[in-house]
C-alpha atoms as a PDB file:
ATOM      1  CA  MET A   1       8.243  35.261 -42.348  1.00  0.00           C
ATOM      2  CA  ARG A   2       8.803  36.127 -38.088  1.00  0.00           C
ATOM      3  CA  LYS A   3       5.033  35.943 -37.790  1.00  0.00           C
ATOM      4  CA  THR A   4       5.049  32.761 -39.713  1.00  0.00           C
ATOM      5  CA  ILE A   5       7.740  30.935 -37.004  1.00  0.00           C
ATOM      6  CA  MET A   6       6.051  32.829 -34.259  1.00  0.00           C
ATOM      7  CA  LEU A   7       2.732  31.168 -35.085  1.00  0.00           C
ATOM      8  CA  ILE A   8       4.358  27.329 -35.938  1.00  0.00           C
ATOM      9  CA  CYS A   9       6.117  28.033 -32.303  1.00  0.00           C
ATOM     10  CA  PHE A  10       2.799  28.541 -30.662  1.00  0.00           C
ATOM     11  CA  VAL A  11       0.830  26.224 -32.177  1.00  0.00           C
ATOM     12  CA  MET A  12       4.003  23.423 -31.275  1.00  0.00           C
ATOM     13  CA  PHE A  13       3.511  24.674 -27.496  1.00  0.00           C
ATOM     14  CA  LEU A  14      -0.032  24.100 -28.012  1.00  0.00           C
ATOM     15  CA  THR A  15      -0.115  20.461 -29.209  1.00  0.00           C
ATOM     16  CA  ALA A  16       3.016  19.682 -26.375  1.00  0.00           C
ATOM     17  CA  VAL A  17       0.485  20.690 -23.962  1.00  0.00           C
ATOM     18  CA  PRO A  18      -1.711  17.810 -23.805  1.00  0.00           C
ATOM     19  CA  ALA A  19       1.249  15.111 -23.761  1.00  0.00           C
ATOM     20  CA  MET A  20       2.274  16.347 -20.635  1.00  0.00           C
ATOM     21  CA  ALA A  21       0.601  14.692 -17.469  1.00  0.00           C
ATOM     22  CA  ALA A  22      -2.682  15.977 -15.952  1.00  0.00           C
ATOM     23  CA  ARG A  23      -2.101  18.330 -13.165  1.00  0.00           C
ATOM     24  CA  ILE A  24      -3.406  17.179  -9.863  1.00  0.00           C
ATOM     25  CA  VAL A  25      -6.658  18.272  -9.130  1.00  0.00           C
ATOM     26  CA  ASP A  26      -7.680  19.170  -5.939  1.00  0.00           C
ATOM     27  CA  GLY A  27     -10.378  16.665  -4.713  1.00  0.00           C
ATOM     28  CA  TYR A  28     -11.576  13.123  -6.060  1.00  0.00           C
ATOM     29  CA  ALA A  29     -13.453  12.811  -9.431  1.00  0.00           C
ATOM     30  CA  GLY A  30     -15.080  15.864  -9.900  1.00  0.00           C
ATOM     31  CA  LEU A  31     -15.568  16.269  -6.156  1.00  0.00           C
ATOM     32  CA  LYS A  32     -13.837  19.201  -4.616  1.00  0.00           C
ATOM     33  CA  TRP A  33     -12.251  18.990  -1.422  1.00  0.00           C
ATOM     34  CA  GLY A  34     -14.846  20.678   1.326  1.00  0.00           C
ATOM     35  CA  THR A  35     -17.779  19.002  -0.595  1.00  0.00           C
ATOM     36  CA  ASN A  36     -20.248  18.021   1.925  1.00  0.00           C
ATOM     37  CA  PHE A  37     -21.083  14.481   2.583  1.00  0.00           C
ATOM     38  CA  HIS A  38     -24.984  14.733   1.346  1.00  0.00           C
ATOM     39  CA  ASP A  39     -23.385  15.886  -1.977  1.00  0.00           C
ATOM     40  CA  VAL A  40     -20.938  13.254  -2.045  1.00  0.00           C
ATOM     41  CA  MET A  41     -24.042  10.490  -1.346  1.00  0.00           C
ATOM     42  CA  LYS A  42     -25.855  11.875  -4.081  1.00  0.00           C
ATOM     43  CA  MET A  43     -23.102  11.416  -6.272  1.00  0.00           C
ATOM     44  CA  TYR A  44     -22.010   7.968  -5.180  1.00  0.00           C
ATOM     45  CA  LYS A  45     -25.486   5.841  -4.459  1.00  0.00           C
ATOM     46  CA  LYS A  46     -25.055   2.718  -2.464  1.00  0.00           C
ATOM     47  CA  GLY A  47     -23.056   3.406   0.401  1.00  0.00           C
ATOM     48  CA  GLU A  48     -23.158   3.500   3.967  1.00  0.00           C
ATOM     49  CA  MET A  49     -22.022   6.117   6.682  1.00  0.00           C
ATOM     50  CA  ALA A  50     -19.930   5.108   9.634  1.00  0.00           C
ATOM     51  CA  GLU A  51     -17.391   6.426  12.224  1.00  0.00           C
ATOM     52  CA  PHE A  52     -14.068   5.833  12.460  1.00  0.00           C
ATOM     53  CA  GLY A  53     -11.250   7.488  14.607  1.00  0.00           C
ATOM     54  CA  GLY A  54     -13.742   9.970  15.406  1.00  0.00           C
ATOM     55  CA  GLU A  55     -14.554  11.287  12.136  1.00  0.00           C
ATOM     56  CA  MET A  56     -17.538   9.914   9.154  1.00  0.00           C
ATOM     57  CA  ILE A  57     -16.449   7.974   6.235  1.00  0.00           C
ATOM     58  CA  TYR A  58     -19.391   7.024   3.738  1.00  0.00           C
ATOM     59  CA  LYS A  59     -18.372   3.488   2.573  1.00  0.00           C
ATOM     60  CA  GLN A  60     -19.060   1.934  -0.596  1.00  0.00           C
ATOM     61  CA  VAL A  61     -18.302  -1.772  -1.240  1.00  0.00           C
ATOM     62  CA  LYS A  62     -17.463  -3.214  -4.640  1.00  0.00           C
ATOM     63  CA  PRO A  63     -19.091  -0.283  -6.765  1.00  0.00           C
ATOM     64  CA  ASN A  64     -17.730  -1.753  -9.897  1.00  0.00           C
ATOM     65  CA  LYS A  65     -15.610  -4.409 -11.299  1.00  0.00           C
ATOM     66  CA  ILE A  66     -12.652  -2.711 -10.350  1.00  0.00           C
ATOM     67  CA  ILE A  67     -12.909  -1.360  -6.791  1.00  0.00           C
ATOM     68  CA  ALA A  68     -13.080  -3.601  -3.726  1.00  0.00           C
ATOM     69  CA  ARG A  69     -14.021  -0.466  -1.466  1.00  0.00           C
ATOM     70  CA  ARG A  70     -14.054   3.091  -1.835  1.00  0.00           C
ATOM     71  CA  LEU A  71     -13.619   5.173   1.675  1.00  0.00           C
ATOM     72  CA  PHE A  72     -14.817   8.861   1.514  1.00  0.00           C
ATOM     73  CA  GLY A  73     -13.344  10.462   4.972  1.00  0.00           C
ATOM     74  CA  PHE A  74     -15.317  13.743   5.922  1.00  0.00           C
ATOM     75  CA  LYS A  75     -13.618  16.381   8.588  1.00  0.00           C
ATOM     76  CA  LYS A  76     -16.613  18.156  10.481  1.00  0.00           C
ATOM     77  CA  GLY A  77     -18.827  16.988   7.726  1.00  0.00           C
ATOM     78  CA  LYS A  78     -16.702  18.257   4.969  1.00  0.00           C
ATOM     79  CA  LEU A  79     -14.343  15.951   2.241  1.00  0.00           C
ATOM     80  CA  ASN A  80     -10.910  15.555   3.100  1.00  0.00           C
ATOM     81  CA  SER A  81      -9.736  12.075   1.706  1.00  0.00           C
ATOM     82  CA  VAL A  82     -10.499   9.172  -0.391  1.00  0.00           C
ATOM     83  CA  ASN A  83      -9.123   5.985  -0.341  1.00  0.00           C
ATOM     84  CA  VAL A  84      -9.955   3.564  -3.323  1.00  0.00           C
ATOM     85  CA  THR A  85      -8.991  -0.157  -2.991  1.00  0.00           C
ATOM     86  CA  PHE A  86      -8.791  -2.107  -6.165  1.00  0.00           C
ATOM     87  CA  THR A  87      -9.808  -5.899  -6.522  1.00  0.00           C
ATOM     88  CA  ALA A  88      -7.112  -8.334  -6.339  1.00  0.00           C
ATOM     89  CA  ASP A  89      -8.923  -9.896  -9.628  1.00  0.00           C
ATOM     90  CA  TYR A  90      -8.192  -6.591 -11.674  1.00  0.00           C
ATOM     91  CA  VAL A  91      -4.674  -5.882 -10.312  1.00  0.00           C
ATOM     92  CA  LYS A  92      -3.844  -9.489 -11.043  1.00  0.00           C
ATOM     93  CA  LYS A  93      -5.638  -9.218 -14.897  1.00  0.00           C
ATOM     94  CA  VAL A  94      -4.179  -5.871 -15.772  1.00  0.00           C
ATOM     95  CA  GLY A  95      -0.799  -6.461 -13.565  1.00  0.00           C
ATOM     96  CA  LEU A  96       0.707  -4.237 -10.902  1.00  0.00           C
ATOM     97  CA  GLU A  97       3.056  -2.415 -12.884  1.00  0.00           C
ATOM     98  CA  ASN A  98       0.451  -1.450 -15.318  1.00  0.00           C
ATOM     99  CA  VAL A  99      -2.131   0.073 -12.830  1.00  0.00           C
ATOM    100  CA  LEU A 100       0.744   1.942 -11.683  1.00  0.00           C
ATOM    101  CA  ALA A 101       1.839   3.052 -15.504  1.00  0.00           C
ATOM    102  CA  GLU A 102      -1.842   4.365 -16.008  1.00  0.00           C
ATOM    103  CA  HIS A 103      -1.556   6.580 -12.990  1.00  0.00           C
ATOM    104  CA  VAL A 104       2.033   7.614 -13.899  1.00  0.00           C
ATOM    105  CA  LYS A 105       0.673   8.565 -17.297  1.00  0.00           C
ATOM    106  CA  SER A 106      -1.861  10.470 -15.318  1.00  0.00           C
ATOM    107  CA  TYR A 107      -0.274  12.167 -12.899  1.00  0.00           C
ATOM    108  CA  GLY A 108       3.731  12.090 -13.922  1.00  0.00           C
ATOM    109  CA  GLN A 109       6.358  11.085 -12.079  1.00  0.00           C
ATOM    110  CA  GLY A 110       5.917  10.670  -8.376  1.00  0.00           C
ATOM    111  CA  LYS A 111       8.372   9.516  -5.519  1.00  0.00           C
ATOM    112  CA  MET A 112       9.008   5.728  -4.530  1.00  0.00           C
ATOM    113  CA  ASP A 113       8.805   5.439  -0.826  1.00  0.00           C
ATOM    114  CA  ASN A 114       8.706   2.334   1.397  1.00  0.00           C
ATOM    115  CA  ALA A 115      10.356   3.695   4.546  1.00  0.00           C
ATOM    116  CA  GLN A 116       6.892   3.597   6.321  1.00  0.00           C
ATOM    117  CA  ALA A 117       6.587  -0.321   5.903  1.00  0.00           C
ATOM    118  CA  PRO A 118       9.307  -2.094   4.192  1.00  0.00           C
ATOM    119  CA  HIS A 119       6.622  -4.715   2.997  1.00  0.00           C
ATOM    120  CA  MET A 120       4.676  -2.018   1.862  1.00  0.00           C
ATOM    121  CA  LEU A 121       5.237   0.651  -1.600  1.00  0.00           C
ATOM    122  CA  PHE A 122       4.344   3.792  -2.119  1.00  0.00           C
ATOM    123  CA  TYR A 123       3.887   5.982  -4.719  1.00  0.00           C
ATOM    124  CA  THR A 124       3.464   9.555  -4.245  1.00  0.00           C
ATOM    125  CA  TRP A 125       2.309  12.490  -6.252  1.00  0.00           C
ATOM    126  CA  GLU A 126       2.171  16.005  -4.788  1.00  0.00           C
ATOM    127  CA  GLY A 127       0.087  18.639  -5.739  1.00  0.00           C
ATOM    128  CA  LYS A 128      -0.441  22.249  -3.948  1.00  0.00           C
ATOM    129  CA  ASN A 129      -3.594  20.891  -2.049  1.00  0.00           C
ATOM    130  CA  THR A 130      -3.821  17.361  -2.336  1.00  0.00           C
ATOM    131  CA  ARG A 131      -1.615  14.206  -1.916  1.00  0.00           C
ATOM    132  CA  ILE A 132      -2.050  10.761  -3.978  1.00  0.00           C
ATOM    133  CA  ARG A 133      -0.472   7.731  -2.474  1.00  0.00           C
ATOM    134  CA  PHE A 134      -0.411   4.444  -5.061  1.00  0.00           C
ATOM    135  CA  ILE A 135      -0.059   1.869  -2.037  1.00  0.00           C
ATOM    136  CA  TYR A 136       0.576  -1.499  -2.786  1.00  0.00           C
ATOM    137  CA  ALA A 137       2.370  -4.910  -1.379  1.00  0.00           C
ATOM    138  CA  PRO A 138       4.282  -7.090  -4.242  1.00  0.00           C
ATOM    139  CA  LYS A 139       2.860 -10.411  -2.659  1.00  0.00           C
ATOM    140  CA  ARG A 140      -0.775  -8.936  -2.036  1.00  0.00           C
ATOM    141  CA  PRO A 141      -3.156  -7.432  -4.692  1.00  0.00           C
ATOM    142  CA  ASP A 142      -5.823  -6.931  -2.514  1.00  0.00           C
ATOM    143  CA  MET A 143      -3.876  -4.489  -0.763  1.00  0.00           C
ATOM    144  CA  THR A 144      -3.386  -2.314  -3.878  1.00  0.00           C
ATOM    145  CA  ALA A 145      -5.034   1.184  -3.514  1.00  0.00           C
ATOM    146  CA  LEU A 146      -5.350   4.966  -4.048  1.00  0.00           C
ATOM    147  CA  MET A 147      -5.478   7.347  -1.277  1.00  0.00           C
ATOM    148  CA  TYR A 148      -6.353  11.193  -2.217  1.00  0.00           C
ATOM    149  CA  GLU A 149      -5.869  13.707   0.744  1.00  0.00           C
ATOM    150  CA  GLN A 150      -6.527  17.092   1.296  1.00  0.00           C
ATOM    151  CA  LYS A 151      -3.082  18.530   2.183  1.00  0.00           C
END
């Protein structure tokens, strides 16, 4: 009887784990922090290299119907940030609240902050080595973005 109760508790624990939010992965969509820019370019084609603030970036413009722009940031040739800006049409169609809710479902409850810029809202999730920020301006759907940063 005791073994049966323990087995039931163990099965309940295992079935509860998928219901919890995913842990924050170190990197972006299968790329780990520190990936060299050549590997990023192979995985995310149709982009161009540029320099921004003394650092190299790899930029994709409209890689799909949801993303208006995706910027990969590098430090000494190694991936350390990704900025994904959504298309205004996507944000208007789906709704800002639903776009945010999708990421809350993925990453769990974060922290809301608008102290950095009163016209912008920041929703932040923190992992061990990664910070994810959902950034939006309520009246500017074209400024809705996700920033993935190596800490």
